[in-house]
């Protein structure tokens, strides 16, 4: 039996970028360099998208300047929306997990008070 070695493709079809500290400065300014880089990707037929710890609404300021038409990924992957803010999918914490997480942030409480 003959086996064929497959050479992996080196074609890039999509780039997904973080926002804060990558596309925008610490002052929350979208730089001309970032705009230019994204425009070059899009001109080359490469899909561009963003992911962030921000809520999806915090990404809206990028849609026009970067001509983003792809889904937005917010809350570090917790919510995926269309650019019009229609939710595609979301990963929510159960109330019990949310309560436990909030309680774990409270210092000075005993474990029995956190339950």
C-alpha atoms as a PDB file:
ATOM      1  CA  UNK A   1       0.000   0.000   0.000  1.00  0.00           C
ATOM      2  CA  UNK A   2       1.315   3.407  -0.961  1.00  0.00           C
ATOM      3  CA  UNK A   3       0.942   6.304   1.440  1.00  0.00           C
ATOM      4  CA  UNK A   4       0.904   9.869   0.342  1.00  0.00           C
ATOM      5  CA  UNK A   5       2.385  12.599   2.470  1.00  0.00           C
ATOM      6  CA  UNK A   6       0.089  15.602   2.518  1.00  0.00           C
ATOM      7  CA  UNK A   7       1.719  19.000   2.568  1.00  0.00           C
ATOM      8  CA  UNK A   8      -0.268  21.346   4.808  1.00  0.00           C
ATOM      9  CA  UNK A   9      -1.761  24.399   3.188  1.00  0.00           C
ATOM     10  CA  UNK A  10      -0.023  27.662   3.924  1.00  0.00           C
ATOM     11  CA  UNK A  11      -2.901  29.801   2.671  1.00  0.00           C
ATOM     12  CA  UNK A  12      -4.320  32.054   5.367  1.00  0.00           C
ATOM     13  CA  UNK A  13      -8.066  32.468   4.984  1.00  0.00           C
ATOM     14  CA  UNK A  14      -8.960  34.279   8.217  1.00  0.00           C
ATOM     15  CA  UNK A  15      -7.351  36.341  10.967  1.00  0.00           C
ATOM     16  CA  UNK A  16      -8.985  36.924  14.344  1.00  0.00           C
ATOM     17  CA  UNK A  17      -7.518  39.584  16.599  1.00  0.00           C
ATOM     18  CA  UNK A  18      -7.811  40.683  20.184  1.00  0.00           C
ATOM     19  CA  UNK A  19      -8.797  44.323  20.619  1.00  0.00           C
ATOM     20  CA  UNK A  20      -7.280  46.048  23.645  1.00  0.00           C
ATOM     21  CA  UNK A  21      -3.529  46.398  23.330  1.00  0.00           C
ATOM     22  CA  UNK A  22      -3.596  44.862  19.855  1.00  0.00           C
ATOM     23  CA  UNK A  23      -5.929  46.907  17.640  1.00  0.00           C
ATOM     24  CA  UNK A  24      -6.401  49.818  19.997  1.00  0.00           C
ATOM     25  CA  UNK A  25      -3.932  51.607  22.235  1.00  0.00           C
ATOM     26  CA  UNK A  26      -4.124  51.861  26.011  1.00  0.00           C
ATOM     27  CA  UNK A  27      -6.022  55.097  25.366  1.00  0.00           C
ATOM     28  CA  UNK A  28      -8.597  53.104  23.322  1.00  0.00           C
ATOM     29  CA  UNK A  29      -7.512  54.690  20.038  1.00  0.00           C
ATOM     30  CA  UNK A  30      -7.716  52.652  16.845  1.00  0.00           C
ATOM     31  CA  UNK A  31      -4.448  53.410  15.109  1.00  0.00           C
ATOM     32  CA  UNK A  32      -3.979  54.115  11.422  1.00  0.00           C
ATOM     33  CA  UNK A  33      -1.489  51.241  11.370  1.00  0.00           C
ATOM     34  CA  UNK A  34      -4.175  48.818  12.577  1.00  0.00           C
ATOM     35  CA  UNK A  35      -6.705  50.160  10.062  1.00  0.00           C
ATOM     36  CA  UNK A  36      -4.185  49.782   7.262  1.00  0.00           C
ATOM     37  CA  UNK A  37      -3.234  46.241   8.262  1.00  0.00           C
ATOM     38  CA  UNK A  38      -6.868  45.137   8.363  1.00  0.00           C
ATOM     39  CA  UNK A  39      -7.573  46.820   5.011  1.00  0.00           C
ATOM     40  CA  UNK A  40      -4.628  44.945   3.453  1.00  0.00           C
ATOM     41  CA  UNK A  41      -5.935  41.637   4.816  1.00  0.00           C
ATOM     42  CA  UNK A  42      -9.397  42.302   3.427  1.00  0.00           C
ATOM     43  CA  UNK A  43      -8.006  43.431   0.058  1.00  0.00           C
ATOM     44  CA  UNK A  44      -6.186  40.088  -0.096  1.00  0.00           C
ATOM     45  CA  UNK A  45      -9.438  38.208   0.459  1.00  0.00           C
ATOM     46  CA  UNK A  46      -8.624  37.308   4.064  1.00  0.00           C
ATOM     47  CA  UNK A  47     -11.561  37.366   6.471  1.00  0.00           C
ATOM     48  CA  UNK A  48     -10.990  39.530   9.542  1.00  0.00           C
ATOM     49  CA  UNK A  49     -12.703  39.221  12.908  1.00  0.00           C
ATOM     50  CA  UNK A  50     -12.302  40.302  16.510  1.00  0.00           C
ATOM     51  CA  UNK A  51     -12.489  38.605  19.897  1.00  0.00           C
ATOM     52  CA  UNK A  52     -12.329  40.380  23.208  1.00  0.00           C
ATOM     53  CA  UNK A  53     -13.020  40.265  26.917  1.00  0.00           C
ATOM     54  CA  UNK A  54     -15.266  43.253  26.181  1.00  0.00           C
ATOM     55  CA  UNK A  55     -19.016  42.752  25.786  1.00  0.00           C
ATOM     56  CA  UNK A  56     -20.028  42.681  22.110  1.00  0.00           C
ATOM     57  CA  UNK A  57     -21.441  46.234  22.355  1.00  0.00           C
ATOM     58  CA  UNK A  58     -17.936  47.367  23.296  1.00  0.00           C
ATOM     59  CA  UNK A  59     -16.766  46.218  19.859  1.00  0.00           C
ATOM     60  CA  UNK A  60     -19.256  48.274  17.847  1.00  0.00           C
ATOM     61  CA  UNK A  61     -16.816  51.178  17.506  1.00  0.00           C
ATOM     62  CA  UNK A  62     -14.651  48.939  15.306  1.00  0.00           C
ATOM     63  CA  UNK A  63     -17.301  47.871  12.783  1.00  0.00           C
ATOM     64  CA  UNK A  64     -17.238  50.939  10.541  1.00  0.00           C
ATOM     65  CA  UNK A  65     -13.565  51.861  10.656  1.00  0.00           C
ATOM     66  CA  UNK A  66     -12.455  48.247  10.044  1.00  0.00           C
ATOM     67  CA  UNK A  67     -15.391  47.292   7.802  1.00  0.00           C
ATOM     68  CA  UNK A  68     -16.090  44.240   9.963  1.00  0.00           C
ATOM     69  CA  UNK A  69     -18.944  42.068   8.715  1.00  0.00           C
ATOM     70  CA  UNK A  70     -18.018  38.892  10.580  1.00  0.00           C
ATOM     71  CA  UNK A  71     -19.521  37.810  13.897  1.00  0.00           C
ATOM     72  CA  UNK A  72     -18.202  39.504  17.036  1.00  0.00           C
ATOM     73  CA  UNK A  73     -16.853  37.396  19.885  1.00  0.00           C
ATOM     74  CA  UNK A  74     -17.206  39.004  23.292  1.00  0.00           C
ATOM     75  CA  UNK A  75     -16.689  38.042  26.917  1.00  0.00           C
ATOM     76  CA  UNK A  76     -13.648  35.920  25.926  1.00  0.00           C
ATOM     77  CA  UNK A  77     -15.808  33.636  23.816  1.00  0.00           C
ATOM     78  CA  UNK A  78     -18.849  33.678  26.076  1.00  0.00           C
ATOM     79  CA  UNK A  79     -21.058  35.405  23.486  1.00  0.00           C
ATOM     80  CA  UNK A  80     -20.990  35.327  19.691  1.00  0.00           C
ATOM     81  CA  UNK A  81     -23.140  37.913  17.904  1.00  0.00           C
ATOM     82  CA  UNK A  82     -23.791  39.164  14.416  1.00  0.00           C
ATOM     83  CA  UNK A  83     -22.608  42.748  13.848  1.00  0.00           C
ATOM     84  CA  UNK A  84     -26.234  43.871  14.448  1.00  0.00           C
ATOM     85  CA  UNK A  85     -25.974  42.370  17.992  1.00  0.00           C
ATOM     86  CA  UNK A  86     -28.204  39.373  17.242  1.00  0.00           C
ATOM     87  CA  UNK A  87     -26.936  36.584  19.495  1.00  0.00           C
ATOM     88  CA  UNK A  88     -25.663  33.580  17.570  1.00  0.00           C
ATOM     89  CA  UNK A  89     -24.629  31.615  20.650  1.00  0.00           C
ATOM     90  CA  UNK A  90     -23.889  32.302  24.284  1.00  0.00           C
ATOM     91  CA  UNK A  91     -22.334  30.328  27.100  1.00  0.00           C
ATOM     92  CA  UNK A  92     -23.943  31.422  30.339  1.00  0.00           C
ATOM     93  CA  UNK A  93     -23.032  30.499  33.887  1.00  0.00           C
ATOM     94  CA  UNK A  94     -25.710  28.751  35.892  1.00  0.00           C
ATOM     95  CA  UNK A  95     -27.047  30.856  38.785  1.00  0.00           C
ATOM     96  CA  UNK A  96     -25.337  28.497  41.250  1.00  0.00           C
ATOM     97  CA  UNK A  97     -21.925  28.863  39.595  1.00  0.00           C
ATOM     98  CA  UNK A  98     -22.348  32.651  39.323  1.00  0.00           C
ATOM     99  CA  UNK A  99     -23.238  32.845  43.022  1.00  0.00           C
ATOM    100  CA  UNK A 100     -20.250  30.720  44.009  1.00  0.00           C
ATOM    101  CA  UNK A 101     -17.926  32.827  41.865  1.00  0.00           C
ATOM    102  CA  UNK A 102     -19.240  36.037  43.393  1.00  0.00           C
ATOM    103  CA  UNK A 103     -18.892  34.624  46.890  1.00  0.00           C
ATOM    104  CA  UNK A 104     -15.330  33.483  46.263  1.00  0.00           C
ATOM    105  CA  UNK A 105     -14.416  37.102  45.585  1.00  0.00           C
ATOM    106  CA  UNK A 106     -15.503  38.175  49.049  1.00  0.00           C
ATOM    107  CA  UNK A 107     -12.536  38.131  51.381  1.00  0.00           C
ATOM    108  CA  UNK A 108     -12.865  37.447  55.064  1.00  0.00           C
ATOM    109  CA  UNK A 109     -15.749  35.030  54.722  1.00  0.00           C
ATOM    110  CA  UNK A 110     -15.541  31.445  55.832  1.00  0.00           C
ATOM    111  CA  UNK A 111     -16.229  28.610  53.403  1.00  0.00           C
ATOM    112  CA  UNK A 112     -19.552  27.900  55.118  1.00  0.00           C
ATOM    113  CA  UNK A 113     -20.684  31.481  54.392  1.00  0.00           C
ATOM    114  CA  UNK A 114     -19.801  31.068  50.725  1.00  0.00           C
ATOM    115  CA  UNK A 115     -22.197  28.180  50.158  1.00  0.00           C
END
